[in-house]
């Protein structure tokens, strides 16, 4: 193999790797990280748990650019399933029994979960908002709490999907933790 052939192969390999790295993702990986220490705070208490997504559209990221169609990304897995899984695991770690026959009924409603990006030619700005309402009915009365997380950021050039994904996971993790440590919810159960 001569030097020119080697250069051609090397250049082709580099171009393929650059194109492969710049491929646009088709879905987000939503994976909130919440790790509360196990305890017996809710031992002997039980509830039904139902998570409902009331958003009009399932996408999480929307990138808006003038004279271009919106670019949207949804979660690889349904958002309500992800949230239900994290809440159930963490509450069970606190001693709460989650069963379909419990008198207490908890409904977690996803009202909003979006990062909206306004993309300009050399800069971008983001608005992030997550709103989740938790309603607990203990057959005598109902408690309703609303949890919100809002953020704004700006940057140069193009918005980085991986950074937006990480930002969403961080905000969602924070909000889920607020729900899990809510004294009102624990007392009401």
N, C-alpha and C. Protein backbone atom coordinates (compact mmCIF):
# COMPACT_ATOMS: atom_id res chain seq x y z
N UNK A 1 0.86 -1.17 0.00
CA UNK A 1 0.00 0.00 0.00
C UNK A 1 0.90 1.23 0.00
N UNK A 2 0.65 2.11 -0.93
CA UNK A 2 1.48 3.31 -1.00
C UNK A 2 0.93 4.42 -0.08
N UNK A 3 1.69 5.47 0.07
CA UNK A 3 1.37 6.54 1.01
C UNK A 3 0.07 7.27 0.62
N UNK A 4 -0.17 7.50 -0.68
CA UNK A 4 -1.39 8.19 -1.14
C UNK A 4 -2.64 7.37 -0.84
N UNK A 5 -2.56 6.07 -1.01
CA UNK A 5 -3.71 5.20 -0.68
C UNK A 5 -3.99 5.27 0.82
N UNK A 6 -2.93 5.23 1.59
CA UNK A 6 -3.07 5.30 3.04
C UNK A 6 -3.72 6.62 3.46
N UNK A 7 -3.28 7.74 2.85
CA UNK A 7 -3.85 9.05 3.15
C UNK A 7 -5.33 9.09 2.79
N UNK A 8 -5.67 8.52 1.65
CA UNK A 8 -7.06 8.51 1.21
C UNK A 8 -7.95 7.72 2.18
N UNK A 9 -7.46 6.57 2.59
CA UNK A 9 -8.23 5.75 3.53
C UNK A 9 -8.36 6.47 4.87
N UNK A 10 -7.29 7.08 5.35
CA UNK A 10 -7.31 7.80 6.62
C UNK A 10 -8.27 8.98 6.56
N UNK A 11 -8.24 9.73 5.48
CA UNK A 11 -9.12 10.88 5.31
C UNK A 11 -10.58 10.43 5.25
N UNK A 12 -10.84 9.36 4.51
CA UNK A 12 -12.19 8.82 4.42
C UNK A 12 -12.69 8.38 5.80
N UNK A 13 -11.84 7.73 6.57
CA UNK A 13 -12.21 7.26 7.91
C UNK A 13 -12.54 8.43 8.83
N UNK A 14 -11.74 9.49 8.74
CA UNK A 14 -11.98 10.67 9.56
C UNK A 14 -13.31 11.31 9.18
N UNK A 15 -13.58 11.43 7.89
CA UNK A 15 -14.85 12.03 7.44
C UNK A 15 -16.04 11.21 7.91
N UNK A 16 -15.94 9.89 7.81
CA UNK A 16 -17.04 9.02 8.26
C UNK A 16 -17.27 9.19 9.75
N UNK A 17 -16.20 9.27 10.54
CA UNK A 17 -16.36 9.42 11.99
C UNK A 17 -16.95 10.78 12.35
N UNK A 18 -16.61 11.82 11.61
CA UNK A 18 -17.18 13.15 11.85
C UNK A 18 -18.67 13.15 11.53
N UNK A 19 -19.03 12.57 10.41
CA UNK A 19 -20.44 12.51 10.02
C UNK A 19 -21.22 11.67 11.02
N UNK A 20 -20.65 10.57 11.46
CA UNK A 20 -21.30 9.70 12.44
C UNK A 20 -21.52 10.40 13.76
N UNK A 21 -20.58 11.23 14.19
CA UNK A 21 -20.69 11.94 15.46
C UNK A 21 -21.71 13.06 15.38
N UNK A 22 -21.95 13.58 14.22
CA UNK A 22 -22.86 14.71 14.11
C UNK A 22 -24.29 14.28 13.79
N UNK A 23 -24.55 12.98 13.82
CA UNK A 23 -25.89 12.50 13.56
C UNK A 23 -26.85 13.04 14.62
N UNK A 24 -28.00 13.50 14.19
CA UNK A 24 -28.99 14.07 15.08
C UNK A 24 -29.77 12.94 15.76
N UNK A 25 -29.92 13.00 17.09
CA UNK A 25 -30.65 11.93 17.78
C UNK A 25 -32.13 11.96 17.40
N UNK A 26 -32.77 10.81 17.52
CA UNK A 26 -34.19 10.73 17.22
C UNK A 26 -35.05 10.76 18.48
N UNK A 27 -34.46 10.42 19.63
CA UNK A 27 -35.17 10.42 20.91
C UNK A 27 -34.23 10.86 22.02
N UNK A 28 -34.82 11.30 23.11
CA UNK A 28 -34.06 11.65 24.30
C UNK A 28 -34.06 10.48 25.26
N UNK A 29 -33.03 10.40 26.05
CA UNK A 29 -33.00 9.41 27.12
C UNK A 29 -33.31 10.17 28.40
N UNK A 30 -34.54 9.99 28.88
CA UNK A 30 -34.95 10.65 30.12
C UNK A 30 -34.70 9.65 31.24
N UNK A 31 -33.81 10.05 32.14
CA UNK A 31 -33.39 9.16 33.22
C UNK A 31 -33.11 9.98 34.47
N UNK A 32 -34.19 10.40 35.17
CA UNK A 32 -33.97 11.20 36.38
C UNK A 32 -33.25 10.38 37.44
N UNK A 33 -32.30 11.02 38.12
CA UNK A 33 -31.52 10.36 39.16
C UNK A 33 -31.94 10.90 40.53
N UNK A 34 -32.65 10.09 41.27
CA UNK A 34 -33.09 10.46 42.62
C UNK A 34 -32.72 9.31 43.54
N UNK A 35 -31.92 9.59 44.54
CA UNK A 35 -31.49 8.54 45.47
C UNK A 35 -31.67 9.01 46.90
N UNK A 36 -32.83 8.70 47.47
CA UNK A 36 -33.08 9.01 48.87
C UNK A 36 -32.64 7.82 49.71
N UNK A 37 -32.18 8.09 50.91
CA UNK A 37 -31.78 7.00 51.80
C UNK A 37 -33.03 6.22 52.22
N UNK A 38 -32.96 4.90 52.19
CA UNK A 38 -34.11 4.09 52.63
C UNK A 38 -34.46 4.41 54.09
N UNK A 39 -35.75 4.40 54.40
CA UNK A 39 -36.19 4.64 55.77
C UNK A 39 -37.53 3.96 55.99
N UNK A 40 -38.05 4.09 57.19
CA UNK A 40 -39.36 3.51 57.50
C UNK A 40 -40.39 4.60 57.74
N UNK A 41 -40.16 5.79 57.18
CA UNK A 41 -41.05 6.93 57.39
C UNK A 41 -42.50 6.64 57.01
N UNK A 42 -42.69 5.85 55.97
CA UNK A 42 -44.05 5.60 55.48
C UNK A 42 -44.49 4.15 55.70
N UNK A 43 -43.81 3.47 56.60
CA UNK A 43 -44.13 2.08 56.90
C UNK A 43 -45.56 1.96 57.42
N UNK A 44 -46.30 1.02 56.90
CA UNK A 44 -47.69 0.81 57.31
C UNK A 44 -48.68 1.66 56.53
N UNK A 45 -48.18 2.53 55.66
CA UNK A 45 -49.08 3.34 54.83
C UNK A 45 -49.11 2.76 53.43
N UNK A 46 -50.26 2.95 52.76
CA UNK A 46 -50.38 2.43 51.40
C UNK A 46 -51.17 3.39 50.54
N UNK A 47 -50.95 3.31 49.23
CA UNK A 47 -51.66 4.16 48.28
C UNK A 47 -51.71 3.51 46.92
N UNK A 48 -52.67 3.95 46.15
CA UNK A 48 -52.68 3.64 44.72
C UNK A 48 -51.88 4.77 44.07
N UNK A 49 -51.14 4.46 43.03
CA UNK A 49 -50.34 5.49 42.36
C UNK A 49 -50.65 5.46 40.86
N UNK A 50 -51.07 6.61 40.37
CA UNK A 50 -51.39 6.73 38.95
C UNK A 50 -50.73 8.00 38.42
N UNK A 51 -49.91 7.86 37.39
CA UNK A 51 -49.26 9.02 36.78
C UNK A 51 -49.90 9.24 35.41
N UNK A 52 -50.34 10.48 35.18
CA UNK A 52 -51.06 10.83 33.96
C UNK A 52 -50.34 11.96 33.25
N UNK A 53 -50.18 11.85 31.94
CA UNK A 53 -49.56 12.90 31.13
C UNK A 53 -50.66 13.68 30.43
N UNK A 54 -50.88 14.92 30.85
CA UNK A 54 -51.95 15.75 30.29
C UNK A 54 -51.45 16.73 29.23
N UNK A 55 -50.20 16.60 28.83
CA UNK A 55 -49.66 17.50 27.81
C UNK A 55 -50.34 17.23 26.47
N UNK A 56 -50.47 18.26 25.67
CA UNK A 56 -51.12 18.11 24.36
C UNK A 56 -50.20 17.42 23.35
N UNK A 57 -48.89 17.45 23.61
CA UNK A 57 -47.93 16.81 22.71
C UNK A 57 -46.84 16.15 23.55
N UNK A 58 -46.38 14.97 23.15
CA UNK A 58 -45.42 14.24 23.98
C UNK A 58 -43.97 14.70 23.86
N UNK A 59 -43.67 15.67 22.99
CA UNK A 59 -42.27 16.05 22.83
C UNK A 59 -41.77 16.83 24.05
N UNK A 60 -40.45 16.75 24.26
CA UNK A 60 -39.82 17.39 25.41
C UNK A 60 -38.96 18.56 24.96
N UNK A 61 -38.33 18.44 23.80
CA UNK A 61 -37.51 19.53 23.28
C UNK A 61 -38.10 19.99 21.95
N UNK A 62 -38.22 21.30 21.82
CA UNK A 62 -38.61 21.88 20.53
C UNK A 62 -37.62 22.98 20.20
N UNK A 63 -37.05 22.87 19.01
CA UNK A 63 -36.10 23.88 18.55
C UNK A 63 -36.76 24.67 17.44
N UNK A 64 -36.92 25.95 17.67
CA UNK A 64 -37.60 26.84 16.73
C UNK A 64 -36.58 27.74 16.07
N UNK A 65 -36.58 27.71 14.74
CA UNK A 65 -35.66 28.53 13.97
C UNK A 65 -36.47 29.22 12.88
N UNK A 66 -36.20 30.50 12.67
CA UNK A 66 -36.96 31.29 11.70
C UNK A 66 -36.95 30.63 10.32
N UNK A 67 -38.12 30.56 9.72
CA UNK A 67 -38.32 30.02 8.36
C UNK A 67 -37.95 28.54 8.24
N UNK A 68 -37.93 27.83 9.36
CA UNK A 68 -37.65 26.40 9.36
C UNK A 68 -38.75 25.69 10.13
N UNK A 69 -39.06 24.45 9.76
CA UNK A 69 -40.03 23.71 10.57
C UNK A 69 -39.42 23.42 11.95
N UNK A 70 -40.27 23.35 12.95
CA UNK A 70 -39.78 23.07 14.31
C UNK A 70 -39.17 21.67 14.35
N UNK A 71 -38.07 21.56 15.07
CA UNK A 71 -37.42 20.26 15.29
C UNK A 71 -37.81 19.82 16.69
N UNK A 72 -38.46 18.66 16.80
CA UNK A 72 -38.92 18.21 18.11
C UNK A 72 -38.35 16.84 18.46
N UNK A 73 -38.13 16.64 19.76
CA UNK A 73 -37.63 15.37 20.27
C UNK A 73 -38.48 14.93 21.45
N UNK A 74 -38.84 13.67 21.45
CA UNK A 74 -39.61 13.08 22.55
C UNK A 74 -38.72 12.11 23.30
N UNK A 75 -39.22 11.66 24.43
CA UNK A 75 -38.50 10.68 25.23
C UNK A 75 -38.59 9.32 24.56
N UNK A 76 -37.53 8.54 24.72
CA UNK A 76 -37.50 7.18 24.16
C UNK A 76 -38.59 6.33 24.80
N UNK A 77 -38.85 6.57 26.09
CA UNK A 77 -39.88 5.85 26.85
C UNK A 77 -40.91 6.88 27.31
N UNK A 78 -42.15 6.47 27.49
CA UNK A 78 -43.21 7.40 27.90
C UNK A 78 -42.85 8.07 29.23
N UNK A 79 -43.01 9.38 29.29
CA UNK A 79 -42.62 10.16 30.45
C UNK A 79 -43.36 9.72 31.71
N UNK A 80 -44.65 9.41 31.59
CA UNK A 80 -45.41 9.01 32.77
C UNK A 80 -44.92 7.68 33.34
N UNK A 81 -44.45 6.78 32.47
CA UNK A 81 -43.90 5.51 32.94
C UNK A 81 -42.59 5.73 33.69
N UNK A 82 -41.77 6.63 33.19
CA UNK A 82 -40.49 6.93 33.83
C UNK A 82 -40.72 7.52 35.22
N UNK A 83 -41.60 8.52 35.29
CA UNK A 83 -41.88 9.17 36.57
C UNK A 83 -42.52 8.19 37.55
N UNK A 84 -43.46 7.39 37.08
CA UNK A 84 -44.12 6.41 37.96
C UNK A 84 -43.09 5.43 38.52
N UNK A 85 -42.17 4.97 37.67
CA UNK A 85 -41.15 4.03 38.11
C UNK A 85 -40.25 4.61 39.19
N UNK A 86 -39.82 5.86 39.01
CA UNK A 86 -38.94 6.50 39.99
C UNK A 86 -39.68 6.75 41.30
N UNK A 87 -40.90 7.29 41.21
CA UNK A 87 -41.68 7.56 42.42
C UNK A 87 -41.96 6.28 43.20
N UNK A 88 -42.42 5.25 42.50
CA UNK A 88 -42.75 3.98 43.16
C UNK A 88 -41.53 3.40 43.86
N UNK A 89 -40.41 3.35 43.18
CA UNK A 89 -39.19 2.78 43.76
C UNK A 89 -38.76 3.54 45.01
N UNK A 90 -38.75 4.88 44.91
CA UNK A 90 -38.30 5.69 46.04
C UNK A 90 -39.27 5.63 47.22
N UNK A 91 -40.59 5.70 46.95
CA UNK A 91 -41.56 5.63 48.04
C UNK A 91 -41.56 4.25 48.69
N UNK A 92 -41.40 3.20 47.89
CA UNK A 92 -41.31 1.86 48.48
C UNK A 92 -40.07 1.75 49.36
N UNK A 93 -39.01 2.43 48.99
CA UNK A 93 -37.81 2.47 49.82
C UNK A 93 -38.03 3.21 51.13
N UNK A 94 -39.10 4.02 51.21
CA UNK A 94 -39.47 4.73 52.43
C UNK A 94 -40.51 3.93 53.23
N UNK A 95 -40.89 2.74 52.71
CA UNK A 95 -41.83 1.89 53.42
C UNK A 95 -43.26 1.96 52.91
N UNK A 96 -43.54 2.81 51.94
CA UNK A 96 -44.90 2.95 51.41
C UNK A 96 -45.25 1.74 50.55
N UNK A 97 -46.44 1.20 50.79
CA UNK A 97 -46.92 0.08 49.99
C UNK A 97 -47.78 0.64 48.85
N UNK A 98 -47.43 0.32 47.62
CA UNK A 98 -48.20 0.79 46.47
C UNK A 98 -48.98 -0.40 45.92
N UNK A 99 -50.30 -0.28 46.02
CA UNK A 99 -51.18 -1.37 45.64
C UNK A 99 -52.45 -0.83 44.98
N UNK A 100 -53.10 -1.64 44.18
CA UNK A 100 -54.31 -1.19 43.48
C UNK A 100 -55.55 -1.23 44.37
N UNK A 101 -55.44 -1.78 45.58
CA UNK A 101 -56.61 -1.88 46.47
C UNK A 101 -56.57 -0.91 47.63
N UNK A 102 -55.57 -0.03 47.69
CA UNK A 102 -55.44 0.92 48.80
C UNK A 102 -56.57 1.94 48.79
N UNK A 103 -56.94 2.42 49.98
CA UNK A 103 -57.96 3.47 50.08
C UNK A 103 -57.42 4.81 49.60
N UNK A 104 -56.17 5.11 49.92
CA UNK A 104 -55.54 6.35 49.45
C UNK A 104 -55.30 6.24 47.95
N UNK A 105 -55.64 7.30 47.25
CA UNK A 105 -55.41 7.34 45.80
C UNK A 105 -54.57 8.56 45.48
N UNK A 106 -53.40 8.32 44.88
CA UNK A 106 -52.52 9.41 44.51
C UNK A 106 -52.48 9.51 42.98
N UNK A 107 -52.75 10.71 42.48
CA UNK A 107 -52.67 10.97 41.05
C UNK A 107 -51.60 12.03 40.82
N UNK A 108 -50.62 11.68 40.00
CA UNK A 108 -49.54 12.59 39.65
C UNK A 108 -49.79 13.00 38.20
N UNK A 109 -50.01 14.28 37.99
CA UNK A 109 -50.37 14.78 36.66
C UNK A 109 -49.23 15.62 36.09
N UNK A 110 -48.74 15.22 34.92
CA UNK A 110 -47.72 16.00 34.21
C UNK A 110 -48.46 17.04 33.39
N UNK A 111 -48.34 18.29 33.80
CA UNK A 111 -49.02 19.37 33.09
C UNK A 111 -48.14 19.96 32.00
N UNK A 112 -46.85 20.06 32.29
CA UNK A 112 -45.93 20.65 31.32
C UNK A 112 -44.55 20.04 31.54
N UNK A 113 -43.85 19.76 30.47
CA UNK A 113 -42.48 19.25 30.53
C UNK A 113 -41.84 19.55 29.17
N UNK A 114 -41.20 20.71 29.08
CA UNK A 114 -40.70 21.14 27.77
C UNK A 114 -39.46 22.03 27.92
N UNK A 115 -38.57 21.88 26.98
CA UNK A 115 -37.49 22.86 26.79
C UNK A 115 -37.71 23.43 25.39
N UNK A 116 -37.97 24.72 25.35
CA UNK A 116 -38.19 25.40 24.08
C UNK A 116 -36.94 26.21 23.74
N UNK A 117 -36.40 25.96 22.55
CA UNK A 117 -35.16 26.62 22.12
C UNK A 117 -35.48 27.57 20.97
N UNK A 118 -35.11 28.84 21.13
CA UNK A 118 -35.18 29.80 20.03
C UNK A 118 -33.79 29.88 19.44
N UNK A 119 -33.63 29.31 18.24
CA UNK A 119 -32.33 29.24 17.59
C UNK A 119 -32.18 30.41 16.62
N UNK A 120 -31.15 31.22 16.84
CA UNK A 120 -30.81 32.30 15.92
C UNK A 120 -29.61 31.83 15.11
N UNK A 121 -29.10 32.66 14.23
CA UNK A 121 -27.99 32.24 13.38
C UNK A 121 -26.69 31.98 14.15
N UNK A 122 -26.40 32.77 15.18
CA UNK A 122 -25.15 32.57 15.93
C UNK A 122 -25.37 32.45 17.44
N UNK A 123 -26.61 32.29 17.87
CA UNK A 123 -26.89 32.14 19.30
C UNK A 123 -28.23 31.45 19.50
N UNK A 124 -28.50 31.08 20.73
CA UNK A 124 -29.78 30.46 21.05
C UNK A 124 -30.16 30.83 22.49
N UNK A 125 -31.43 30.72 22.79
CA UNK A 125 -31.91 30.87 24.16
C UNK A 125 -32.91 29.77 24.44
N UNK A 126 -32.94 29.32 25.69
CA UNK A 126 -33.85 28.23 26.05
C UNK A 126 -34.76 28.67 27.19
N UNK A 127 -35.95 28.15 27.16
CA UNK A 127 -36.92 28.28 28.26
C UNK A 127 -37.31 26.85 28.64
N UNK A 128 -37.06 26.50 29.87
CA UNK A 128 -37.37 25.16 30.36
C UNK A 128 -38.46 25.26 31.42
N UNK A 129 -39.47 24.39 31.33
CA UNK A 129 -40.54 24.42 32.32
C UNK A 129 -41.10 23.02 32.52
N UNK A 130 -41.17 22.64 33.79
CA UNK A 130 -41.79 21.37 34.17
C UNK A 130 -42.79 21.69 35.27
N UNK A 131 -44.03 21.26 35.09
CA UNK A 131 -45.07 21.45 36.10
C UNK A 131 -45.75 20.10 36.33
N UNK A 132 -45.74 19.67 37.59
CA UNK A 132 -46.38 18.40 37.97
C UNK A 132 -47.28 18.67 39.16
N UNK A 133 -48.52 18.19 39.09
CA UNK A 133 -49.46 18.32 40.19
C UNK A 133 -49.67 16.95 40.82
N UNK A 134 -49.63 16.93 42.15
CA UNK A 134 -49.86 15.69 42.89
C UNK A 134 -51.13 15.87 43.71
N UNK A 135 -52.06 14.93 43.53
CA UNK A 135 -53.32 14.96 44.25
C UNK A 135 -53.45 13.65 45.03
N UNK A 136 -53.69 13.78 46.34
CA UNK A 136 -53.85 12.60 47.19
C UNK A 136 -55.24 12.65 47.80
N UNK A 137 -56.01 11.59 47.58
CA UNK A 137 -57.36 11.47 48.12
C UNK A 137 -57.33 10.36 49.17
N UNK A 138 -57.60 10.70 50.43
CA UNK A 138 -57.58 9.68 51.48
C UNK A 138 -58.98 9.29 51.93
N UNK A 139 -59.96 9.42 51.08
CA UNK A 139 -61.40 9.12 51.25
C UNK A 139 -62.12 10.15 52.13
N UNK A 140 -61.41 10.94 52.92
CA UNK A 140 -62.04 11.97 53.74
C UNK A 140 -61.84 13.35 53.14
N UNK A 141 -60.66 13.56 52.58
CA UNK A 141 -60.33 14.85 51.98
C UNK A 141 -59.26 14.66 50.91
N UNK A 142 -59.02 15.72 50.16
CA UNK A 142 -58.05 15.66 49.06
C UNK A 142 -57.01 16.76 49.23
N UNK A 143 -55.75 16.37 49.07
CA UNK A 143 -54.64 17.31 49.09
C UNK A 143 -54.14 17.46 47.66
N UNK A 144 -53.95 18.69 47.21
CA UNK A 144 -53.39 18.94 45.88
C UNK A 144 -52.21 19.88 46.02
N UNK A 145 -51.06 19.44 45.55
CA UNK A 145 -49.84 20.25 45.54
C UNK A 145 -49.31 20.35 44.13
N UNK A 146 -48.83 21.54 43.78
CA UNK A 146 -48.26 21.77 42.46
C UNK A 146 -46.77 22.03 42.60
N UNK A 147 -45.98 21.34 41.79
CA UNK A 147 -44.53 21.47 41.82
C UNK A 147 -44.07 22.02 40.47
N UNK A 148 -43.21 23.07 40.51
CA UNK A 148 -42.77 23.72 39.28
C UNK A 148 -41.26 23.86 39.27
N UNK A 149 -40.72 23.81 38.07
CA UNK A 149 -39.30 24.09 37.87
C UNK A 149 -39.18 24.85 36.55
N UNK A 150 -38.65 26.07 36.63
CA UNK A 150 -38.46 26.90 35.43
C UNK A 150 -37.01 27.33 35.35
N UNK A 151 -36.51 27.42 34.12
CA UNK A 151 -35.13 27.88 33.93
C UNK A 151 -35.01 28.55 32.56
N UNK A 152 -33.99 29.37 32.45
CA UNK A 152 -33.69 30.08 31.20
C UNK A 152 -32.18 30.04 31.00
N UNK A 153 -31.76 29.81 29.78
CA UNK A 153 -30.32 29.85 29.49
C UNK A 153 -30.10 30.40 28.09
N UNK A 154 -28.88 30.83 27.84
CA UNK A 154 -28.50 31.35 26.53
C UNK A 154 -27.13 30.80 26.18
N UNK A 155 -26.86 30.74 24.89
CA UNK A 155 -25.55 30.25 24.47
C UNK A 155 -25.21 30.71 23.07
N UNK A 156 -23.97 30.46 22.69
CA UNK A 156 -23.50 30.83 21.35
C UNK A 156 -23.67 29.64 20.42
N UNK A 157 -23.74 29.94 19.13
CA UNK A 157 -23.87 28.95 18.06
C UNK A 157 -25.16 28.15 18.19
N UNK A 158 -25.07 26.81 18.09
CA UNK A 158 -26.26 25.97 18.11
C UNK A 158 -26.45 25.29 19.45
N UNK A 159 -27.71 25.08 19.82
CA UNK A 159 -28.02 24.37 21.06
C UNK A 159 -27.53 22.92 20.94
N UNK A 160 -26.94 22.41 22.00
CA UNK A 160 -26.42 21.05 22.04
C UNK A 160 -27.50 20.14 22.63
N UNK A 161 -27.95 19.17 21.84
CA UNK A 161 -29.02 18.27 22.27
C UNK A 161 -28.63 17.52 23.53
N UNK A 162 -27.40 17.04 23.61
CA UNK A 162 -26.95 16.29 24.79
C UNK A 162 -27.01 17.18 26.04
N UNK A 163 -26.63 18.44 25.90
CA UNK A 163 -26.69 19.37 27.04
C UNK A 163 -28.13 19.64 27.44
N UNK A 164 -29.02 19.76 26.46
CA UNK A 164 -30.44 19.98 26.75
C UNK A 164 -31.03 18.76 27.45
N UNK A 165 -30.65 17.57 26.99
CA UNK A 165 -31.11 16.32 27.61
C UNK A 165 -30.65 16.26 29.07
N UNK A 166 -29.38 16.60 29.31
CA UNK A 166 -28.85 16.60 30.68
C UNK A 166 -29.57 17.63 31.54
N UNK A 167 -29.84 18.80 30.97
CA UNK A 167 -30.56 19.85 31.70
C UNK A 167 -31.95 19.39 32.08
N UNK A 168 -32.66 18.76 31.14
CA UNK A 168 -34.01 18.27 31.42
C UNK A 168 -33.98 17.22 32.53
N UNK A 169 -33.04 16.28 32.45
CA UNK A 169 -32.93 15.24 33.47
C UNK A 169 -32.63 15.83 34.85
N UNK A 170 -31.78 16.85 34.88
CA UNK A 170 -31.45 17.51 36.15
C UNK A 170 -32.69 18.19 36.75
N UNK A 171 -33.43 18.93 35.92
CA UNK A 171 -34.63 19.62 36.40
C UNK A 171 -35.70 18.63 36.85
N UNK A 172 -35.88 17.56 36.08
CA UNK A 172 -36.89 16.56 36.43
C UNK A 172 -36.50 15.85 37.73
N UNK A 173 -35.22 15.53 37.89
CA UNK A 173 -34.74 14.89 39.12
C UNK A 173 -35.03 15.77 40.33
N UNK A 174 -34.75 17.05 40.20
CA UNK A 174 -34.98 18.00 41.28
C UNK A 174 -36.46 18.07 41.66
N UNK A 175 -37.32 18.10 40.65
CA UNK A 175 -38.76 18.19 40.89
C UNK A 175 -39.29 16.91 41.53
N UNK A 176 -38.84 15.76 41.06
CA UNK A 176 -39.28 14.49 41.65
C UNK A 176 -38.83 14.40 43.10
N UNK A 177 -37.63 14.88 43.39
CA UNK A 177 -37.14 14.86 44.78
C UNK A 177 -38.02 15.75 45.65
N UNK A 178 -38.44 16.92 45.14
CA UNK A 178 -39.34 17.80 45.90
C UNK A 178 -40.64 17.08 46.25
N UNK A 179 -41.16 16.31 45.28
CA UNK A 179 -42.40 15.55 45.51
C UNK A 179 -42.17 14.49 46.59
N UNK A 180 -41.07 13.77 46.47
CA UNK A 180 -40.79 12.67 47.39
C UNK A 180 -40.56 13.13 48.84
N UNK A 181 -39.97 14.30 49.02
CA UNK A 181 -39.67 14.76 50.37
C UNK A 181 -40.75 15.71 50.92
N UNK A 182 -41.82 15.92 50.16
CA UNK A 182 -42.89 16.82 50.59
C UNK A 182 -43.50 16.34 51.91
N UNK A 183 -43.40 17.17 52.94
CA UNK A 183 -43.98 16.84 54.24
C UNK A 183 -45.50 16.78 54.16
N UNK A 184 -46.10 17.64 53.34
CA UNK A 184 -47.56 17.64 53.18
C UNK A 184 -48.06 16.29 52.68
N UNK A 185 -47.39 15.77 51.65
CA UNK A 185 -47.81 14.48 51.07
C UNK A 185 -47.60 13.36 52.09
N UNK A 186 -46.46 13.35 52.75
CA UNK A 186 -46.17 12.29 53.74
C UNK A 186 -47.19 12.31 54.87
N UNK A 187 -47.51 13.50 55.35
CA UNK A 187 -48.49 13.64 56.44
C UNK A 187 -49.87 13.20 56.00
N UNK A 188 -50.23 13.55 54.78
CA UNK A 188 -51.58 13.27 54.28
C UNK A 188 -51.81 11.77 54.05
N UNK A 189 -50.74 11.06 53.73
CA UNK A 189 -50.88 9.61 53.51
C UNK A 189 -51.21 8.92 54.83
